[in-house]
């Protein structure tokens, strides 16, 4: 891949406190530069990547993010980035300007945040959790093994364009067993056992991260597919709707 220097910053930095940034911030969007934001604050070049962003005490990591004074430290397992930030008081609002770079091209832009409060949040306080207290209801139609073949972004509908059987998907397999038992393979790792996850009709109940992922079985062009919610960090910490994985049945 080209532009490797844009994708792998040193993020192994000692923590230095910056008390003024701790708390919740509203993400306004991204602009070409700080100057272009000040001229046209209502026309970002990119919409907000999430509705809210948190600076936790002691630089505690959540989602893909950690921080130390003057830096936001990003690590999604593939890219490691250290972004500079500065805080200014403008028009009575506390604003943060983050210098970011696109992973592929290295093009720079500025993301703007507005301070909402100074609460010293914990990871548990900001993590969205679903109700998992659901009685077991059988669903014979879902029993068996399913392999992922596609992905649907939030707001999109199932179509043939979503199907890619040649790709190795992160959430790669689900096995629905009798009596609510289930196995999944995510990121190449097997997740098994009722202490980790179970299922009931219409939901995979992921106890390890307190998410109830709704599923449906549907047809497209004469093929049967299982479509299930993918409640990633976007959902758990970004206050966004979930994406969906697409699975097709395997012959057991």
Protein backbone atom coordinates (compact mmCIF):
# COMPACT_ATOMS: atom_id res chain seq x y z
CA UNK A 1 0.00 0.00 0.00
CA UNK A 2 1.13 3.54 -0.71
CA UNK A 3 1.39 6.42 1.78
CA UNK A 4 2.32 4.16 4.67
CA UNK A 5 3.70 7.13 6.57
CA UNK A 6 0.14 8.45 6.79
CA UNK A 7 -1.24 5.30 8.37
CA UNK A 8 1.12 4.28 11.17
CA UNK A 9 1.99 7.04 13.61
CA UNK A 10 3.67 6.38 16.92
CA UNK A 11 0.83 6.20 19.44
CA UNK A 12 2.89 4.78 22.33
CA UNK A 13 3.00 8.02 24.30
CA UNK A 14 3.04 8.53 28.07
CA UNK A 15 -0.14 10.05 29.43
CA UNK A 16 -0.10 13.77 30.27
CA UNK A 17 -3.29 15.25 31.69
CA UNK A 18 -5.27 18.08 30.11
CA UNK A 19 -8.14 18.76 32.49
CA UNK A 20 -9.95 21.17 30.15
CA UNK A 21 -10.77 18.46 27.62
CA UNK A 22 -12.29 15.88 30.00
CA UNK A 23 -16.01 15.37 29.39
CA UNK A 24 -18.48 15.05 26.52
CA UNK A 25 -18.10 16.81 23.17
CA UNK A 26 -20.53 17.21 20.28
CA UNK A 27 -19.02 16.43 16.87
CA UNK A 28 -19.97 19.15 14.37
CA UNK A 29 -18.25 17.75 11.26
CA UNK A 30 -15.06 18.17 9.24
CA UNK A 31 -13.79 21.07 7.13
CA UNK A 32 -10.81 21.65 4.83
CA UNK A 33 -9.15 23.80 7.48
CA UNK A 34 -9.79 25.74 10.67
CA UNK A 35 -10.07 28.91 8.58
CA UNK A 36 -12.73 27.46 6.28
CA UNK A 37 -14.77 26.40 9.30
CA UNK A 38 -14.77 29.94 10.67
CA UNK A 39 -16.03 31.25 7.30
CA UNK A 40 -18.77 28.67 6.71
CA UNK A 41 -19.62 26.75 9.87
CA UNK A 42 -22.79 25.24 8.35
CA UNK A 43 -21.19 23.47 5.38
CA UNK A 44 -18.78 20.72 6.42
CA UNK A 45 -16.99 18.74 3.75
CA UNK A 46 -17.79 15.64 5.81
CA UNK A 47 -20.74 15.11 8.18
CA UNK A 48 -20.06 14.06 11.79
CA UNK A 49 -18.48 10.59 12.05
CA UNK A 50 -20.32 10.22 15.37
CA UNK A 51 -22.68 12.38 17.37
CA UNK A 52 -20.65 12.41 20.58
CA UNK A 53 -17.02 12.08 21.60
CA UNK A 54 -15.65 11.56 25.11
CA UNK A 55 -12.37 12.35 26.80
CA UNK A 56 -12.20 9.95 29.74
CA UNK A 57 -10.01 10.68 32.80
CA UNK A 58 -6.44 9.34 32.72
CA UNK A 59 -6.63 8.93 28.95
CA UNK A 60 -8.75 5.78 29.31
CA UNK A 61 -9.34 4.19 25.90
CA UNK A 62 -12.75 3.50 24.45
CA UNK A 63 -13.81 2.43 20.96
CA UNK A 64 -10.71 3.18 18.81
CA UNK A 65 -9.60 6.17 20.85
CA UNK A 66 -7.29 7.20 23.64
CA UNK A 67 -5.64 10.53 24.35
CA UNK A 68 -2.83 12.44 26.00
CA UNK A 69 -2.33 16.19 26.20
CA UNK A 70 -2.48 17.69 22.72
CA UNK A 71 -3.05 14.33 20.99
CA UNK A 72 -5.92 12.00 20.15
CA UNK A 73 -4.59 8.46 19.71
CA UNK A 74 -6.49 6.34 17.17
CA UNK A 75 -6.04 2.59 16.71
CA UNK A 76 -8.59 0.42 14.89
CA UNK A 77 -6.31 -2.60 14.57
CA UNK A 78 -5.24 -1.62 11.07
CA UNK A 79 -4.31 2.06 11.28
CA UNK A 80 -2.57 3.86 14.14
CA UNK A 81 -2.83 7.65 14.06
CA UNK A 82 -1.85 10.49 16.41
CA UNK A 83 -3.94 13.59 15.74
CA UNK A 84 -3.11 17.04 17.12
CA UNK A 85 -5.88 19.00 18.80
CA UNK A 86 -6.24 22.54 20.09
CA UNK A 87 -8.99 24.10 22.18
CA UNK A 88 -10.31 27.64 21.65
CA UNK A 89 -13.08 29.77 23.14
CA UNK A 90 -15.05 31.18 20.16
CA UNK A 91 -18.37 33.01 20.42
CA UNK A 92 -18.86 31.82 23.98
CA UNK A 93 -18.41 28.15 22.99
CA UNK A 94 -15.48 25.89 23.83
CA UNK A 95 -14.41 24.37 20.52
CA UNK A 96 -11.82 21.74 19.68
CA UNK A 97 -10.05 21.58 16.32
CA UNK A 98 -8.54 18.19 15.45
CA UNK A 99 -6.03 17.88 12.60
CA UNK A 100 -6.83 14.60 10.86
CA UNK A 101 -5.52 12.78 7.79
CA UNK A 102 -7.25 10.39 5.43
CA UNK A 103 -5.90 6.85 5.68
CA UNK A 104 -5.39 6.32 1.96
CA UNK A 105 -4.33 9.67 0.51
CA UNK A 106 -2.95 11.51 3.52
CA UNK A 107 -5.14 14.53 2.72
CA UNK A 108 -5.55 16.72 5.79
CA UNK A 109 -8.75 18.18 7.17
CA UNK A 110 -10.03 19.60 10.46
CA UNK A 111 -12.76 18.04 12.60
CA UNK A 112 -14.56 20.43 14.94
CA UNK A 113 -16.05 19.50 18.32
CA UNK A 114 -18.09 21.57 20.79
CA UNK A 115 -17.79 21.01 24.55
CA UNK A 116 -21.03 19.85 26.16
CA UNK A 117 -20.03 19.16 29.78
CA UNK A 118 -17.14 18.52 32.19
CA UNK A 119 -18.39 15.23 33.66
CA UNK A 120 -15.68 12.69 34.47
CA UNK A 121 -17.30 9.79 32.67
CA UNK A 122 -16.28 6.18 33.13
CA UNK A 123 -16.27 3.58 30.36
CA UNK A 124 -19.31 1.91 31.90
CA UNK A 125 -21.24 5.20 31.96
CA UNK A 126 -20.87 5.84 28.23
CA UNK A 127 -21.32 2.31 26.89
CA UNK A 128 -24.75 1.64 25.38
CA UNK A 129 -26.23 -1.62 26.66
CA UNK A 130 -29.32 -3.48 25.45
CA UNK A 131 -31.87 -5.41 27.46
CA UNK A 132 -30.86 -9.07 27.30
CA UNK A 133 -33.58 -10.33 29.66
CA UNK A 134 -35.53 -12.21 27.02
CA UNK A 135 -37.08 -15.66 27.54
CA UNK A 136 -36.08 -18.33 25.06
CA UNK A 137 -38.44 -18.79 22.11
CA UNK A 138 -37.58 -21.41 19.55
CA UNK A 139 -37.04 -20.61 15.87
CA UNK A 140 -36.49 -23.82 13.88
CA UNK A 141 -35.89 -21.83 10.68
CA UNK A 142 -32.63 -20.36 12.00
CA UNK A 143 -31.05 -23.57 13.32
CA UNK A 144 -27.80 -24.42 11.56
CA UNK A 145 -24.58 -22.85 10.35
CA UNK A 146 -24.38 -19.55 8.46
CA UNK A 147 -21.46 -17.95 6.63
CA UNK A 148 -21.15 -14.20 6.04
CA UNK A 149 -21.30 -13.08 2.43
CA UNK A 150 -21.92 -9.35 2.66
CA UNK A 151 -22.51 -6.18 4.63
CA UNK A 152 -25.16 -3.44 4.67
CA UNK A 153 -24.29 0.05 5.86
CA UNK A 154 -26.75 1.99 8.01
CA UNK A 155 -29.67 3.30 5.96
CA UNK A 156 -29.10 0.93 3.02
CA UNK A 157 -31.29 -1.99 1.96
CA UNK A 158 -30.39 -5.54 1.01
CA UNK A 159 -29.41 -5.82 -2.65
CA UNK A 160 -27.12 -7.90 -4.84
CA UNK A 161 -24.56 -5.10 -4.63
CA UNK A 162 -24.13 -5.93 -0.92
CA UNK A 163 -23.03 -9.52 -1.63
CA UNK A 164 -19.32 -10.37 -1.90
CA UNK A 165 -18.64 -14.08 -1.39
CA UNK A 166 -14.93 -13.74 -2.18
CA UNK A 167 -14.18 -11.41 0.73
CA UNK A 168 -13.08 -12.58 4.17
CA UNK A 169 -15.53 -10.85 6.48
CA UNK A 170 -14.68 -9.86 10.07
CA UNK A 171 -17.88 -11.43 11.44
CA UNK A 172 -17.51 -14.63 9.48
CA UNK A 173 -19.76 -17.33 10.92
CA UNK A 174 -22.77 -18.03 13.16
CA UNK A 175 -23.99 -21.41 14.35
CA UNK A 176 -27.48 -21.42 15.87
CA UNK A 177 -27.87 -24.56 17.99
CA UNK A 178 -30.84 -26.12 19.72
CA UNK A 179 -32.19 -24.61 22.98
CA UNK A 180 -30.63 -21.18 22.49
CA UNK A 181 -26.96 -22.16 22.27
CA UNK A 182 -24.81 -20.32 19.73
CA UNK A 183 -21.25 -20.05 18.41
CA UNK A 184 -19.83 -17.16 16.42
CA UNK A 185 -16.49 -16.47 14.75
CA UNK A 186 -15.49 -12.80 14.88
CA UNK A 187 -12.06 -11.55 13.88
CA UNK A 188 -10.90 -15.14 13.50
CA UNK A 189 -11.78 -15.95 17.13
CA UNK A 190 -14.38 -18.46 18.23
CA UNK A 191 -16.90 -17.16 20.76
CA UNK A 192 -18.76 -19.99 22.46
CA UNK A 193 -20.60 -20.80 25.68
CA UNK A 194 -23.85 -19.57 27.22
CA UNK A 195 -21.90 -17.17 29.44
CA UNK A 196 -20.80 -15.37 26.26
CA UNK A 197 -23.92 -15.48 24.10
CA UNK A 198 -27.28 -17.18 23.55
CA UNK A 199 -30.17 -16.62 21.19
CA UNK A 200 -33.94 -16.40 21.15
CA UNK A 201 -36.30 -15.97 18.23
CA UNK A 202 -35.30 -12.80 16.40
CA UNK A 203 -32.17 -12.01 18.46
CA UNK A 204 -28.57 -13.05 19.05
CA UNK A 205 -27.90 -12.06 22.68
CA UNK A 206 -24.22 -11.12 23.03
CA UNK A 207 -23.71 -11.14 26.79
CA UNK A 208 -20.01 -10.28 26.53
CA UNK A 209 -20.83 -6.76 25.35
CA UNK A 210 -24.51 -6.45 26.39
CA UNK A 211 -25.89 -6.23 22.85
CA UNK A 212 -29.11 -7.78 21.52
CA UNK A 213 -28.60 -8.12 17.77
CA UNK A 214 -31.87 -8.50 15.86
CA UNK A 215 -31.93 -10.87 12.90
CA UNK A 216 -34.34 -11.72 10.10
CA UNK A 217 -34.38 -14.43 7.44
CA UNK A 218 -35.27 -13.09 4.02
CA UNK A 219 -34.96 -13.86 0.32
CA UNK A 220 -33.19 -12.08 -2.51
CA UNK A 221 -33.25 -13.34 -6.10
CA UNK A 222 -34.44 -16.74 -4.94
CA UNK A 223 -31.68 -17.11 -2.31
CA UNK A 224 -32.23 -17.32 1.45
CA UNK A 225 -30.20 -14.93 3.63
CA UNK A 226 -29.93 -14.16 7.31
CA UNK A 227 -29.48 -10.42 8.00
CA UNK A 228 -28.27 -9.52 11.48
CA UNK A 229 -27.41 -6.30 13.26
CA UNK A 230 -23.71 -5.52 13.69
CA UNK A 231 -23.54 -3.41 16.84
CA UNK A 232 -19.97 -2.14 16.67
CA UNK A 233 -18.43 0.84 18.43
CA UNK A 234 -20.49 3.09 16.16
CA UNK A 235 -23.58 1.83 18.00
CA UNK A 236 -22.14 1.21 21.47
CA UNK A 237 -20.27 4.51 21.81
CA UNK A 238 -21.04 6.63 18.76
CA UNK A 239 -24.83 6.96 19.29
CA UNK A 240 -25.34 5.74 15.70
CA UNK A 241 -27.62 3.08 14.25
CA UNK A 242 -26.22 -0.39 13.68
CA UNK A 243 -24.98 -1.78 10.37
CA UNK A 244 -25.88 -5.33 9.27
CA UNK A 245 -24.05 -8.46 8.17
CA UNK A 246 -25.50 -10.79 5.56
CA UNK A 247 -25.17 -14.58 5.95
CA UNK A 248 -26.13 -17.54 3.81
CA UNK A 249 -26.77 -21.03 5.08
CA UNK A 250 -24.03 -23.65 5.02
CA UNK A 251 -24.73 -27.31 4.35
CA UNK A 252 -24.01 -29.04 7.67
